[in-house]
Structure formats: structure tokens, C-alpha cells
N, C-alpha and C. Protein backbone atom coordinates (compact mmCIF):
# COMPACT_ATOMS: atom_id res chain seq x y z
N MET A 1 -18.96 -37.96 -1.40
CA MET A 1 -18.69 -38.52 -2.78
C MET A 1 -18.89 -37.59 -3.51
N LEU A 2 -19.73 -37.00 -3.49
CA LEU A 2 -20.15 -36.01 -4.52
C LEU A 2 -19.14 -34.74 -5.05
N PHE A 3 -18.38 -33.96 -3.73
CA PHE A 3 -17.45 -33.32 -3.70
C PHE A 3 -15.91 -33.35 -4.21
N ILE A 4 -15.84 -35.05 -4.32
CA ILE A 4 -14.52 -35.27 -4.82
C ILE A 4 -14.27 -34.87 -6.15
N GLY A 5 -15.01 -34.75 -7.19
CA GLY A 5 -15.14 -34.32 -8.39
C GLY A 5 -14.96 -32.64 -8.67
N TRP A 6 -15.43 -32.19 -7.73
CA TRP A 6 -15.51 -30.81 -7.57
C TRP A 6 -14.68 -30.06 -7.40
N THR A 7 -13.66 -29.13 -7.98
CA THR A 7 -12.56 -28.42 -7.89
C THR A 7 -12.85 -26.77 -7.85
N ALA A 8 -12.14 -25.87 -7.08
CA ALA A 8 -12.16 -24.64 -7.17
C ALA A 8 -11.28 -24.16 -8.44
N PRO A 9 -11.52 -23.01 -8.95
CA PRO A 9 -10.27 -22.62 -10.30
C PRO A 9 -8.92 -22.59 -9.38
N ALA A 10 -7.81 -23.08 -10.18
CA ALA A 10 -6.66 -22.89 -9.61
C ALA A 10 -5.79 -21.50 -9.94
N HIS A 11 -4.96 -21.18 -9.65
CA HIS A 11 -4.31 -20.15 -9.82
C HIS A 11 -2.54 -20.32 -10.26
N GLY A 12 -2.42 -21.53 -10.57
CA GLY A 12 -0.97 -21.85 -10.51
C GLY A 12 0.10 -20.96 -11.36
N HIS A 13 -0.63 -20.65 -12.21
CA HIS A 13 0.08 -19.63 -13.52
C HIS A 13 -0.50 -18.37 -13.40
N ARG A 14 -0.55 -17.74 -12.40
CA ARG A 14 -1.63 -16.40 -12.41
C ARG A 14 -0.46 -15.05 -13.31
N VAL A 15 -1.08 -14.66 -14.01
CA VAL A 15 -0.74 -13.53 -14.90
C VAL A 15 -1.15 -12.05 -14.29
N MET A 16 0.07 -11.40 -14.42
CA MET A 16 -0.50 -9.80 -14.25
C MET A 16 0.16 -8.89 -15.06
N VAL A 17 -0.32 -7.82 -15.28
CA VAL A 17 -0.18 -6.82 -16.36
C VAL A 17 -0.19 -5.36 -15.32
N PHE A 18 0.97 -4.66 -15.69
CA PHE A 18 0.95 -3.26 -14.97
C PHE A 18 1.20 -2.36 -16.33
N ALA A 19 0.53 -1.07 -16.31
CA ALA A 19 0.67 -0.18 -17.11
C ALA A 19 0.77 1.30 -16.76
N TYR A 20 1.35 2.05 -17.25
CA TYR A 20 1.75 3.37 -16.69
C TYR A 20 1.90 4.35 -17.83
N VAL A 21 1.58 5.51 -17.71
CA VAL A 21 1.99 6.46 -18.62
C VAL A 21 3.17 7.62 -18.11
N GLU A 22 3.83 7.70 -19.35
CA GLU A 22 5.07 8.08 -19.14
C GLU A 22 5.79 9.19 -20.29
N GLY A 23 5.59 10.34 -20.33
CA GLY A 23 6.05 10.92 -21.56
C GLY A 23 5.12 11.24 -23.17
N GLY A 24 3.88 10.76 -22.78
CA GLY A 24 2.89 10.68 -23.99
C GLY A 24 3.03 8.75 -24.55
N THR A 25 3.57 7.92 -23.87
CA THR A 25 3.99 6.69 -24.16
C THR A 25 3.21 6.05 -22.85
N ILE A 26 2.49 4.85 -23.14
CA ILE A 26 1.52 3.82 -22.14
C ILE A 26 2.89 2.72 -22.35
N HIS A 27 3.73 2.26 -21.07
CA HIS A 27 4.10 1.35 -21.33
C HIS A 27 3.41 -0.09 -20.31
N THR A 28 3.95 -1.13 -20.85
CA THR A 28 3.42 -2.10 -20.04
C THR A 28 4.25 -3.49 -19.73
N GLU A 29 4.22 -3.88 -18.59
CA GLU A 29 5.07 -4.79 -18.20
C GLU A 29 3.97 -6.04 -17.71
N SER A 30 4.13 -7.30 -18.19
CA SER A 30 3.43 -8.30 -18.12
C SER A 30 4.11 -9.81 -17.15
N SER A 31 3.53 -10.09 -16.37
CA SER A 31 4.44 -11.66 -15.53
C SER A 31 3.33 -12.28 -15.17
N PHE A 32 4.11 -13.64 -14.98
CA PHE A 32 3.32 -14.41 -14.06
C PHE A 32 3.42 -14.50 -12.83
N GLY A 33 3.08 -15.00 -11.84
CA GLY A 33 2.70 -15.00 -10.53
C GLY A 33 4.07 -15.33 -9.81
N GLY A 34 5.13 -15.99 -10.32
CA GLY A 34 6.26 -16.30 -10.09
C GLY A 34 7.23 -15.14 -10.35
N GLY A 35 6.96 -14.12 -10.99
CA GLY A 35 7.86 -13.21 -11.58
C GLY A 35 8.43 -13.01 -12.59
N SER A 36 8.25 -14.36 -13.32
CA SER A 36 8.85 -14.88 -14.64
C SER A 36 8.14 -13.75 -15.97
N PRO A 37 8.94 -13.22 -16.65
CA PRO A 37 7.85 -12.37 -18.00
C PRO A 37 6.90 -13.02 -18.64
N VAL A 38 6.30 -12.45 -19.25
CA VAL A 38 5.41 -13.27 -20.21
C VAL A 38 5.84 -12.83 -21.41
N ARG A 39 6.68 -13.87 -22.01
CA ARG A 39 7.45 -13.51 -23.26
C ARG A 39 6.51 -13.80 -24.76
N GLY A 40 6.55 -12.89 -25.69
CA GLY A 40 5.75 -13.34 -26.60
C GLY A 40 4.07 -13.17 -26.44
N GLY A 41 3.61 -12.57 -25.19
CA GLY A 41 2.25 -12.60 -24.72
C GLY A 41 1.67 -11.41 -25.60
N THR A 42 0.27 -11.54 -26.12
CA THR A 42 -0.40 -10.56 -26.77
C THR A 42 -0.87 -9.42 -25.96
N ILE A 43 -0.81 -8.26 -26.12
CA ILE A 43 -1.52 -7.29 -25.52
C ILE A 43 -2.51 -6.56 -26.26
N GLU A 44 -3.60 -6.23 -26.03
CA GLU A 44 -4.82 -5.63 -26.65
C GLU A 44 -5.27 -4.51 -25.81
N VAL A 45 -5.58 -2.80 -26.40
CA VAL A 45 -5.88 -2.26 -25.62
C VAL A 45 -7.49 -1.64 -26.42
N TYR A 46 -8.43 -1.81 -25.03
CA TYR A 46 -9.84 -1.15 -25.23
C TYR A 46 -9.71 0.03 -24.92
N ASP A 47 -10.82 0.74 -25.61
CA ASP A 47 -11.49 1.85 -24.98
C ASP A 47 -12.51 1.31 -23.91
N THR A 48 -13.47 2.82 -23.20
CA THR A 48 -14.58 2.16 -22.52
C THR A 48 -15.51 1.56 -23.25
N GLN A 49 -15.73 1.52 -24.55
CA GLN A 49 -17.08 1.04 -25.12
C GLN A 49 -16.27 -0.56 -25.42
N GLU A 50 -15.47 -0.97 -25.16
CA GLU A 50 -14.84 -2.21 -25.31
C GLU A 50 -14.63 -2.19 -26.95
N ASN A 51 -14.50 -1.22 -27.63
CA ASN A 51 -13.42 -1.21 -28.95
C ASN A 51 -11.74 -1.74 -28.98
N LYS A 52 -11.55 -2.35 -29.74
CA LYS A 52 -10.15 -2.40 -29.78
C LYS A 52 -9.56 -1.57 -30.64
N LEU A 53 -8.56 -0.95 -29.78
CA LEU A 53 -7.59 0.17 -30.40
C LEU A 53 -6.38 -0.22 -30.85
N LEU A 54 -5.40 -1.46 -30.10
CA LEU A 54 -4.29 -1.77 -31.08
C LEU A 54 -4.33 -2.93 -30.18
N THR A 55 -3.20 -3.86 -30.85
CA THR A 55 -2.64 -5.12 -30.88
C THR A 55 -0.90 -4.93 -30.51
N GLY A 56 -0.43 -5.60 -29.75
CA GLY A 56 0.91 -5.77 -29.71
C GLY A 56 1.32 -6.97 -29.18
N ILE A 57 2.81 -7.43 -29.26
CA ILE A 57 3.30 -8.47 -28.28
C ILE A 57 4.31 -7.94 -27.70
N THR A 58 4.52 -8.63 -26.28
CA THR A 58 5.39 -8.32 -25.32
C THR A 58 6.76 -8.75 -25.84
N ASP A 59 7.92 -8.11 -25.53
CA ASP A 59 9.31 -8.46 -25.85
C ASP A 59 9.80 -9.53 -24.59
N ASP A 60 11.15 -9.94 -24.65
CA ASP A 60 11.53 -11.28 -23.74
C ASP A 60 11.45 -10.85 -22.34
N GLU A 61 11.07 -9.32 -21.94
CA GLU A 61 11.41 -8.76 -20.82
C GLU A 61 9.71 -8.97 -20.34
N GLY A 62 8.62 -9.14 -20.94
CA GLY A 62 7.17 -9.16 -20.85
C GLY A 62 6.47 -7.51 -21.19
N ARG A 63 7.36 -6.74 -21.76
CA ARG A 63 7.41 -5.28 -22.11
C ARG A 63 6.98 -5.26 -23.44
N PHE A 64 5.90 -4.04 -23.38
CA PHE A 64 5.08 -3.72 -24.77
C PHE A 64 4.91 -2.23 -24.27
N SER A 65 5.32 -1.35 -25.53
CA SER A 65 4.81 0.30 -25.20
C SER A 65 4.23 0.74 -26.48
N PHE A 66 3.74 1.44 -26.18
CA PHE A 66 3.31 2.36 -27.70
C PHE A 66 2.70 4.00 -27.05
N PRO A 67 2.80 4.59 -28.08
CA PRO A 67 2.59 6.06 -28.06
C PRO A 67 1.31 6.59 -27.89
N LEU A 68 0.53 7.58 -27.30
CA LEU A 68 -0.47 7.80 -27.16
C LEU A 68 -0.88 8.91 -28.36
N ASP A 69 -0.71 8.16 -29.79
CA ASP A 69 -1.06 9.53 -30.71
C ASP A 69 -2.55 9.05 -31.63
N PHE A 70 -3.31 8.83 -30.56
CA PHE A 70 -4.59 8.86 -31.17
C PHE A 70 -5.67 9.16 -30.20
N PRO A 71 -6.74 9.91 -30.35
CA PRO A 71 -7.73 10.47 -29.69
C PRO A 71 -8.09 9.40 -28.46
N VAL A 72 -8.18 9.94 -27.26
CA VAL A 72 -8.54 9.38 -26.07
C VAL A 72 -9.69 9.75 -25.25
N ALA A 73 -11.12 9.28 -25.05
CA ALA A 73 -12.06 9.80 -24.71
C ALA A 73 -12.35 9.55 -23.36
N GLY A 74 -11.52 8.37 -22.90
CA GLY A 74 -11.81 7.95 -21.41
C GLY A 74 -10.42 7.21 -20.95
N ASP A 75 -11.03 6.20 -19.96
CA ASP A 75 -10.07 5.03 -19.84
C ASP A 75 -9.88 4.22 -20.70
N LEU A 76 -8.92 3.51 -20.63
CA LEU A 76 -8.18 2.62 -21.51
C LEU A 76 -8.01 1.27 -20.72
N LYS A 77 -8.53 0.10 -21.33
CA LYS A 77 -8.00 -1.19 -20.52
C LYS A 77 -7.31 -2.00 -21.50
N VAL A 78 -6.07 -2.20 -20.85
CA VAL A 78 -4.87 -2.99 -21.42
C VAL A 78 -5.16 -4.35 -20.93
N VAL A 79 -5.16 -5.41 -21.77
CA VAL A 79 -5.13 -6.81 -21.44
C VAL A 79 -3.91 -7.43 -22.25
N VAL A 80 -3.62 -8.65 -21.13
CA VAL A 80 -2.61 -9.25 -21.66
C VAL A 80 -3.39 -10.89 -21.75
N LEU A 81 -2.94 -11.21 -23.28
CA LEU A 81 -3.31 -12.56 -22.99
C LEU A 81 -2.21 -13.69 -23.43
N ALA A 82 -1.69 -14.12 -22.23
CA ALA A 82 -0.56 -15.25 -21.93
C ALA A 82 -0.58 -16.60 -22.60
N GLY A 83 -1.76 -17.00 -23.13
CA GLY A 83 -1.88 -18.15 -23.64
C GLY A 83 -2.70 -19.18 -22.49
N MET A 84 -3.32 -20.05 -23.33
CA MET A 84 -4.02 -21.50 -22.70
C MET A 84 -4.89 -20.41 -21.77
N GLY A 85 -5.45 -19.61 -22.11
CA GLY A 85 -6.59 -19.06 -20.86
C GLY A 85 -6.02 -18.07 -20.02
N HIS A 86 -5.01 -18.25 -19.98
CA HIS A 86 -4.30 -16.95 -18.80
C HIS A 86 -4.39 -15.49 -19.54
N THR A 87 -5.11 -14.91 -18.83
CA THR A 87 -5.52 -13.28 -19.33
C THR A 87 -5.45 -12.46 -17.83
N ALA A 88 -5.13 -11.16 -17.84
CA ALA A 88 -5.38 -10.01 -17.07
C ALA A 88 -5.53 -8.90 -17.68
N HIS A 89 -6.35 -8.01 -16.69
CA HIS A 89 -6.10 -6.40 -17.60
C HIS A 89 -5.76 -5.51 -16.14
N TRP A 90 -5.51 -4.43 -16.81
CA TRP A 90 -5.03 -3.10 -15.82
C TRP A 90 -5.98 -1.60 -16.57
N ILE A 91 -6.51 -1.18 -15.60
CA ILE A 91 -7.15 0.00 -16.16
C ILE A 91 -6.36 1.34 -16.17
N VAL A 92 -6.14 1.89 -17.24
CA VAL A 92 -5.22 2.97 -17.39
C VAL A 92 -6.02 4.42 -17.03
N ARG A 93 -6.34 4.81 -16.41
CA ARG A 93 -7.25 6.24 -16.00
C ARG A 93 -6.82 7.19 -17.07
N ALA A 94 -8.19 7.88 -17.39
CA ALA A 94 -7.82 8.97 -18.31
C ALA A 94 -7.28 10.32 -17.34
N ALA A 95 -7.10 10.16 -16.19
CA ALA A 95 -6.42 11.45 -15.37
C ALA A 95 -4.89 11.24 -15.81
N GLU A 96 -4.26 9.83 -15.62
CA GLU A 96 -2.86 9.39 -16.03
C GLU A 96 -2.72 9.90 -17.12
N MET A 97 -3.30 9.38 -18.59
CA MET A 97 -3.05 9.95 -19.66
C MET A 97 -3.04 11.49 -19.90
N ALA A 98 -3.83 12.08 -19.13
CA ALA A 98 -3.93 13.91 -19.45
C ALA A 98 -2.32 14.12 -18.45
N SER A 99 -2.00 15.23 -19.36
CA SER A 99 -0.90 15.98 -18.90
C SER A 99 -0.65 16.63 -17.82
N GLY A 100 -1.60 16.78 -17.39
CA GLY A 100 -1.87 17.38 -15.96
C GLY A 100 -1.90 18.80 -16.09
N ASP A 101 -0.41 19.63 -16.03
CA ASP A 101 -0.20 20.76 -16.28
C ASP A 101 -0.04 21.19 -17.68
N PRO A 102 -0.28 22.29 -18.21
CA PRO A 102 0.12 22.67 -19.75
C PRO A 102 1.65 22.92 -19.41
N PRO A 103 2.35 22.64 -20.52
CA PRO A 103 3.78 23.26 -20.61
C PRO A 103 4.27 24.41 -20.22
N VAL A 104 5.11 24.54 -19.27
CA VAL A 104 5.21 25.82 -18.76
C VAL A 104 6.17 26.78 -19.31
N ALA A 105 5.85 27.98 -19.94
CA ALA A 105 6.22 28.60 -21.11
C ALA A 105 7.50 29.21 -20.40
N PRO A 106 8.87 29.39 -20.92
CA PRO A 106 10.05 30.34 -20.14
C PRO A 106 9.39 31.68 -20.08
N ALA A 107 9.74 32.22 -18.88
CA ALA A 107 9.37 33.69 -18.39
C ALA A 107 10.09 34.73 -19.60
N ALA A 108 9.78 35.85 -19.63
CA ALA A 108 10.10 36.88 -20.58
C ALA A 108 11.49 37.27 -20.22
N ALA A 109 12.47 37.26 -21.13
CA ALA A 109 13.89 37.82 -20.42
C ALA A 109 13.75 39.34 -19.92
N SER A 110 14.49 39.28 -19.07
CA SER A 110 14.71 40.84 -18.16
C SER A 110 16.06 40.81 -18.06
N ALA A 111 16.31 42.07 -17.51
CA ALA A 111 18.31 42.59 -17.03
C ALA A 111 17.99 41.65 -16.04
N ALA A 112 17.03 41.05 -15.46
CA ALA A 112 17.71 40.15 -14.12
C ALA A 112 18.06 38.61 -14.50
N ASP A 113 17.38 38.22 -15.35
CA ASP A 113 17.55 37.14 -16.07
C ASP A 113 18.96 36.68 -16.72
N ASP A 114 19.00 38.13 -17.54
CA ASP A 114 20.59 37.96 -18.42
C ASP A 114 21.64 38.26 -17.13
N LEU A 115 21.32 38.92 -16.14
CA LEU A 115 22.23 38.51 -14.83
C LEU A 115 22.59 37.34 -14.38
N ALA A 116 21.51 36.56 -14.03
CA ALA A 116 21.62 35.30 -14.01
C ALA A 116 21.87 34.27 -14.55
N ALA A 117 21.58 34.41 -15.87
CA ALA A 117 22.17 33.57 -16.84
C ALA A 117 24.23 33.60 -17.05
N THR A 118 24.24 34.89 -16.83
CA THR A 118 25.86 35.10 -16.80
C THR A 118 26.49 34.90 -15.51
N ALA A 119 26.13 34.94 -14.16
CA ALA A 119 26.42 34.39 -12.77
C ALA A 119 26.72 33.19 -12.73
N GLN A 120 27.48 32.82 -11.79
CA GLN A 120 28.08 31.27 -11.59
C GLN A 120 26.82 30.75 -10.61
N PRO A 121 26.60 29.52 -10.95
CA PRO A 121 25.42 29.09 -10.19
C PRO A 121 26.04 28.59 -9.00
N ALA A 122 25.20 28.66 -7.93
CA ALA A 122 25.45 28.06 -6.59
C ALA A 122 25.63 26.69 -6.46
N SER A 123 24.82 25.85 -7.45
CA SER A 123 24.62 24.57 -7.00
C SER A 123 24.36 24.12 -8.52
N ALA A 124 24.22 22.65 -8.79
CA ALA A 124 23.95 22.01 -9.97
C ALA A 124 22.38 22.56 -10.12
N PHE A 125 21.25 22.51 -9.50
CA PHE A 125 20.16 22.74 -9.35
C PHE A 125 19.65 23.88 -9.87
N ASP A 126 20.49 25.01 -9.30
CA ASP A 126 20.12 26.44 -9.71
C ASP A 126 20.80 26.46 -11.15
N GLY A 127 21.61 26.05 -11.50
CA GLY A 127 22.05 26.09 -13.06
C GLY A 127 21.05 25.83 -14.09
N VAL A 128 20.56 24.57 -13.76
CA VAL A 128 19.82 24.02 -14.43
C VAL A 128 18.27 24.66 -14.58
N VAL A 129 17.79 25.35 -13.26
CA VAL A 129 16.48 26.32 -13.28
C VAL A 129 17.07 27.43 -14.06
N ALA A 130 18.28 28.21 -13.51
CA ALA A 130 18.70 29.34 -14.61
C ALA A 130 18.61 29.17 -16.31
N ASP A 131 19.18 27.95 -16.57
CA ASP A 131 19.13 27.56 -18.06
C ASP A 131 17.94 27.49 -18.86
N SER A 132 17.02 27.03 -18.07
CA SER A 132 15.68 26.35 -18.25
C SER A 132 14.28 27.71 -18.21
N GLY A 133 14.97 28.74 -17.44
CA GLY A 133 13.88 29.94 -17.54
C GLY A 133 12.74 29.56 -16.60
N LEU A 134 13.14 28.25 -15.79
CA LEU A 134 12.07 28.17 -14.75
C LEU A 134 12.64 28.71 -13.37
N ASP A 135 11.82 28.88 -12.28
CA ASP A 135 11.88 28.96 -11.23
C ASP A 135 12.12 27.98 -10.45
N ALA A 136 12.64 27.40 -9.30
CA ALA A 136 12.73 26.35 -8.29
C ALA A 136 11.58 25.94 -8.00
N ALA A 137 10.60 26.82 -7.51
CA ALA A 137 9.03 26.41 -7.39
C ALA A 137 8.28 25.48 -8.22
N THR A 138 8.82 26.15 -9.76
CA THR A 138 7.78 25.33 -10.92
C THR A 138 8.78 24.21 -11.14
N VAL A 139 10.08 23.74 -11.15
CA VAL A 139 10.66 22.66 -11.31
C VAL A 139 10.06 21.60 -10.02
N GLU A 140 10.14 22.09 -8.85
CA GLU A 140 9.86 21.32 -8.01
C GLU A 140 8.21 20.92 -8.22
N ARG A 141 7.51 21.86 -8.50
CA ARG A 141 6.41 21.11 -8.79
C ARG A 141 5.90 20.27 -10.15
N ILE A 142 6.54 20.23 -10.92
CA ILE A 142 6.65 19.55 -11.82
C ILE A 142 7.05 18.19 -11.72
N VAL A 143 8.19 17.85 -10.96
CA VAL A 143 8.95 16.83 -10.39
C VAL A 143 7.78 16.13 -9.39
N ARG A 144 7.65 16.93 -8.45
CA ARG A 144 6.51 16.19 -7.80
C ARG A 144 5.37 15.36 -8.42
N GLN A 145 4.88 16.16 -9.25
CA GLN A 145 3.44 15.82 -9.91
C GLN A 145 4.01 14.07 -11.03
N ALA A 146 5.18 14.83 -11.33
CA ALA A 146 5.71 13.25 -12.18
C ALA A 146 5.74 12.14 -11.09
N LEU A 147 6.50 12.12 -10.10
CA LEU A 147 6.88 11.55 -9.10
C LEU A 147 5.47 10.71 -8.24
N ASP A 148 4.69 11.59 -8.17
CA ASP A 148 3.30 11.26 -7.68
C ASP A 148 2.44 10.17 -8.46
N ARG A 149 2.50 10.76 -10.22
CA ARG A 149 1.82 9.75 -10.89
C ARG A 149 2.55 8.52 -11.15
N ARG A 150 3.80 8.35 -11.07
CA ARG A 150 4.68 7.17 -11.31
C ARG A 150 4.85 6.47 -10.07
N ILE A 151 4.73 6.63 -8.81
CA ILE A 151 4.55 6.03 -7.70
C ILE A 151 3.03 5.87 -7.39
N GLY A 152 2.21 6.46 -7.53
CA GLY A 152 0.91 5.92 -7.61
C GLY A 152 0.70 4.55 -8.28
N ALA A 153 1.30 4.73 -9.35
CA ALA A 153 1.01 3.47 -10.31
C ALA A 153 1.54 2.31 -9.64
N LEU A 154 2.96 2.65 -9.33
CA LEU A 154 3.43 1.46 -8.62
C LEU A 154 2.86 0.77 -7.23
N GLU A 155 2.50 1.76 -6.81
CA GLU A 155 1.57 0.96 -5.60
C GLU A 155 0.87 0.44 -5.69
N ALA A 156 -0.08 0.72 -6.98
CA ALA A 156 -1.32 -0.06 -7.43
C ALA A 156 -0.74 -1.41 -7.99
N HIS A 157 0.41 -0.98 -8.71
CA HIS A 157 0.56 -2.56 -9.36
C HIS A 157 1.36 -3.60 -7.88
N MET A 158 1.89 -2.83 -6.90
CA MET A 158 2.33 -3.91 -5.59
C MET A 158 1.02 -4.12 -5.11
N ALA A 159 0.06 -3.42 -4.74
CA ALA A 159 -1.23 -4.19 -4.10
C ALA A 159 -1.51 -5.42 -5.02
N ALA A 160 -1.33 -5.15 -6.46
CA ALA A 160 -2.39 -6.33 -7.48
C ALA A 160 -1.48 -7.22 -7.06
N ARG A 161 0.04 -7.58 -6.80
CA ARG A 161 0.94 -8.35 -6.76
C ARG A 161 0.90 -9.19 -5.77
N GLN A 162 0.33 -8.80 -4.29
CA GLN A 162 0.32 -9.33 -3.31
C GLN A 162 -1.09 -10.44 -3.11
N ALA A 163 -0.69 -11.64 -2.65
CA ALA A 163 -1.41 -12.54 -2.33
C ALA A 163 -3.01 -12.33 -1.64
N PRO A 164 -3.92 -12.51 -1.94
CA PRO A 164 -5.42 -12.27 -1.07
C PRO A 164 -5.13 -13.49 0.35
N TRP A 165 -5.67 -12.87 1.43
CA TRP A 165 -5.50 -13.86 2.64
C TRP A 165 -6.42 -15.24 2.36
N ARG A 166 -7.31 -14.88 1.56
CA ARG A 166 -8.53 -16.13 1.38
C ARG A 166 -7.58 -16.84 0.39
N ASP A 167 -6.49 -16.61 -0.61
CA ASP A 167 -5.75 -17.49 -1.18
C ASP A 167 -4.87 -18.60 -0.23
N ILE A 168 -4.35 -17.42 0.75
CA ILE A 168 -2.96 -18.34 1.47
C ILE A 168 -3.90 -19.50 2.16
N VAL A 169 -4.89 -18.69 3.12
CA VAL A 169 -5.81 -19.84 3.81
C VAL A 169 -6.29 -21.16 3.48
N ALA A 170 -6.77 -20.57 2.08
CA ALA A 170 -7.10 -21.85 1.51
C ALA A 170 -5.91 -22.75 0.72
N GLY A 171 -4.67 -22.32 0.50
CA GLY A 171 -3.63 -23.27 0.22
C GLY A 171 -3.71 -23.69 1.72
N ILE A 172 -3.36 -23.13 2.79
CA ILE A 172 -2.93 -24.11 4.01
C ILE A 172 -4.33 -25.16 4.56
N GLY A 173 -5.11 -24.89 4.27
CA GLY A 173 -6.70 -25.77 4.38
C GLY A 173 -6.42 -26.95 3.49
N TYR A 174 -5.77 -26.82 2.37
CA TYR A 174 -5.61 -27.78 1.23
C TYR A 174 -4.51 -28.48 1.75
N ILE A 175 -3.74 -28.17 1.94
CA ILE A 175 -2.61 -28.98 2.47
C ILE A 175 -2.60 -29.68 3.81
N PHE A 176 -3.61 -29.26 4.38
CA PHE A 176 -4.21 -29.90 5.98
C PHE A 176 -4.93 -31.23 5.64
N GLY A 177 -5.98 -30.82 4.49
CA GLY A 177 -6.82 -31.79 3.81
C GLY A 177 -6.14 -32.77 3.32
N LEU A 178 -5.32 -32.80 2.54
CA LEU A 178 -3.94 -33.53 2.04
C LEU A 178 -3.62 -34.66 3.15
N VAL A 179 -3.09 -33.95 3.95
CA VAL A 179 -2.35 -34.69 5.35
C VAL A 179 -3.46 -35.65 5.79
N GLY A 180 -4.84 -35.28 6.09
CA GLY A 180 -5.68 -35.88 7.06
C GLY A 180 -6.41 -36.87 5.77
N VAL A 181 -6.15 -36.88 4.52
CA VAL A 181 -6.53 -37.88 3.56
C VAL A 181 -5.23 -39.19 3.42
N ALA A 182 -4.19 -38.50 3.63
CA ALA A 182 -3.08 -39.51 3.57
C ALA A 182 -2.86 -40.36 5.06
N THR A 183 -3.20 -39.83 6.28
CA THR A 183 -3.10 -39.94 7.29
C THR A 183 -4.28 -41.23 7.49
N TYR A 184 -5.69 -40.71 6.76
CA TYR A 184 -6.60 -42.06 6.83
C TYR A 184 -6.07 -43.30 6.38
N MET A 185 -5.78 -42.97 5.14
CA MET A 185 -5.39 -44.13 4.04
C MET A 185 -4.14 -44.80 5.00
N ARG A 186 -3.32 -44.47 5.88
CA ARG A 186 -2.05 -45.20 5.99
C ARG A 186 -2.97 -45.92 7.32
N TYR A 187 -3.90 -45.49 8.16
CA TYR A 187 -4.23 -45.91 9.61
C TYR A 187 -5.36 -46.93 9.37
N ARG A 188 -6.12 -46.61 8.45
CA ARG A 188 -7.73 -47.16 8.16
C ARG A 188 -7.30 -48.64 8.38
N PRO A 189 -8.64 -49.71 9.02
CA PRO A 189 -8.63 -50.60 9.13
C PRO A 189 -8.51 -51.48 8.04
N LYS A 190 -7.54 -52.37 8.03
CA LYS A 190 -7.35 -53.94 6.81
C LYS A 190 -8.54 -54.39 6.80
N ARG A 191 -9.06 -54.72 5.70
CA ARG A 191 -10.19 -55.82 5.49
C ARG A 191 -9.59 -57.28 5.47
N THR A 192 -10.24 -58.02 5.96
CA THR A 192 -9.67 -59.46 5.60
C THR A 192 -10.74 -60.32 4.78
N PRO A 193 -10.33 -60.93 3.78
CA PRO A 193 -11.16 -61.45 2.71
C PRO A 193 -12.06 -62.65 3.31
């Protein structure tokens, strides 16, 4: 009888927040466990010493973005407050906020560059490379690094959205427990007065 009043924490309205860096801006996306966005939720950003750096409100799609126009000495913690005690956080690593490679300066103009600029490009990609002054290997490296950062953040977000096995097994056990109680109540011996 002692265990009847004891309950485990419920996650009926699980809240999730996802943050990623793109072009000097941190973008956040907040949603409930069922996928509906956190509308009007509060986003708070903290540094590694738990100092609050800024606060914002999510839009109707659960998104909030802010520029990285302040000095950052380490990781940032993005916290979403969705009301009634529902909260979640995401760590934006300092490595994600670092630009990675310095901007690539265009190569000095030469006679070969002038000839390449006036020649008809073989493909659309070659035209972009010729116009920007970057070689194909540099463009490929820049694109690969940007994709690796974005895909890594998305993979971490997808891993956070998956239900842990413990929760699945606990849910099945809870259902079996309810069926057991209902069966007991249905077939228990009737008391005669």
C-alpha cells in the first residue's frame, strides 16, 4: 500500500531545444515531445560560469535566433522555458562557434586568371570558382566543413529526440500493470454481507 502514492516523474510534455551556428548567428528550434513547436517560450543563453548573456522569445514556429556579436570564451548553454516547469537545454560548443578556417583571400590576379575569367566555363560550378578567385579544392573544403558542422548538429538533435529504451519498457510495464489491476477488480471474489 505504501507504493500506491509513490509516482515516478512523468514526461507527458517533454520539451526539446536544438541550437546550431550558421553564419555568425545561433539559431534555436524548440518543440514539445509530440513535435508541436514551443510558441512564446523563453530562451535564455548562459556562459560556462552560468552568467545569463541574453533572453529572447520563440516565434510561432518555436524558433529564436541571435547574432554572435558578443565575446564568447567557451561553450554556451541555450535553455528553453516552456512554462509550467517544462525546460530543456542544449550546449553550443565553442568549436561550433569558431569559424574554423579564416576567410580565404582571393589569389593575386595573373595572366592565367585573366584568361580564365574571359573563357567560357565548362560548367556552372567552374564559373562560380572562376568568378570568386577560389580553386575547386578550396570551395569543396569550405562546403564540406559547413556541411559537417550542420550535419553533426542535426545528428545530435535526432539522437536527443529518440525515446530511450527505459522509457519504452516502463510504458509497456505501466500498461500491463493497469491491465492487471483491472483484471483483479473484475474477477475478485464478491463479499457477502
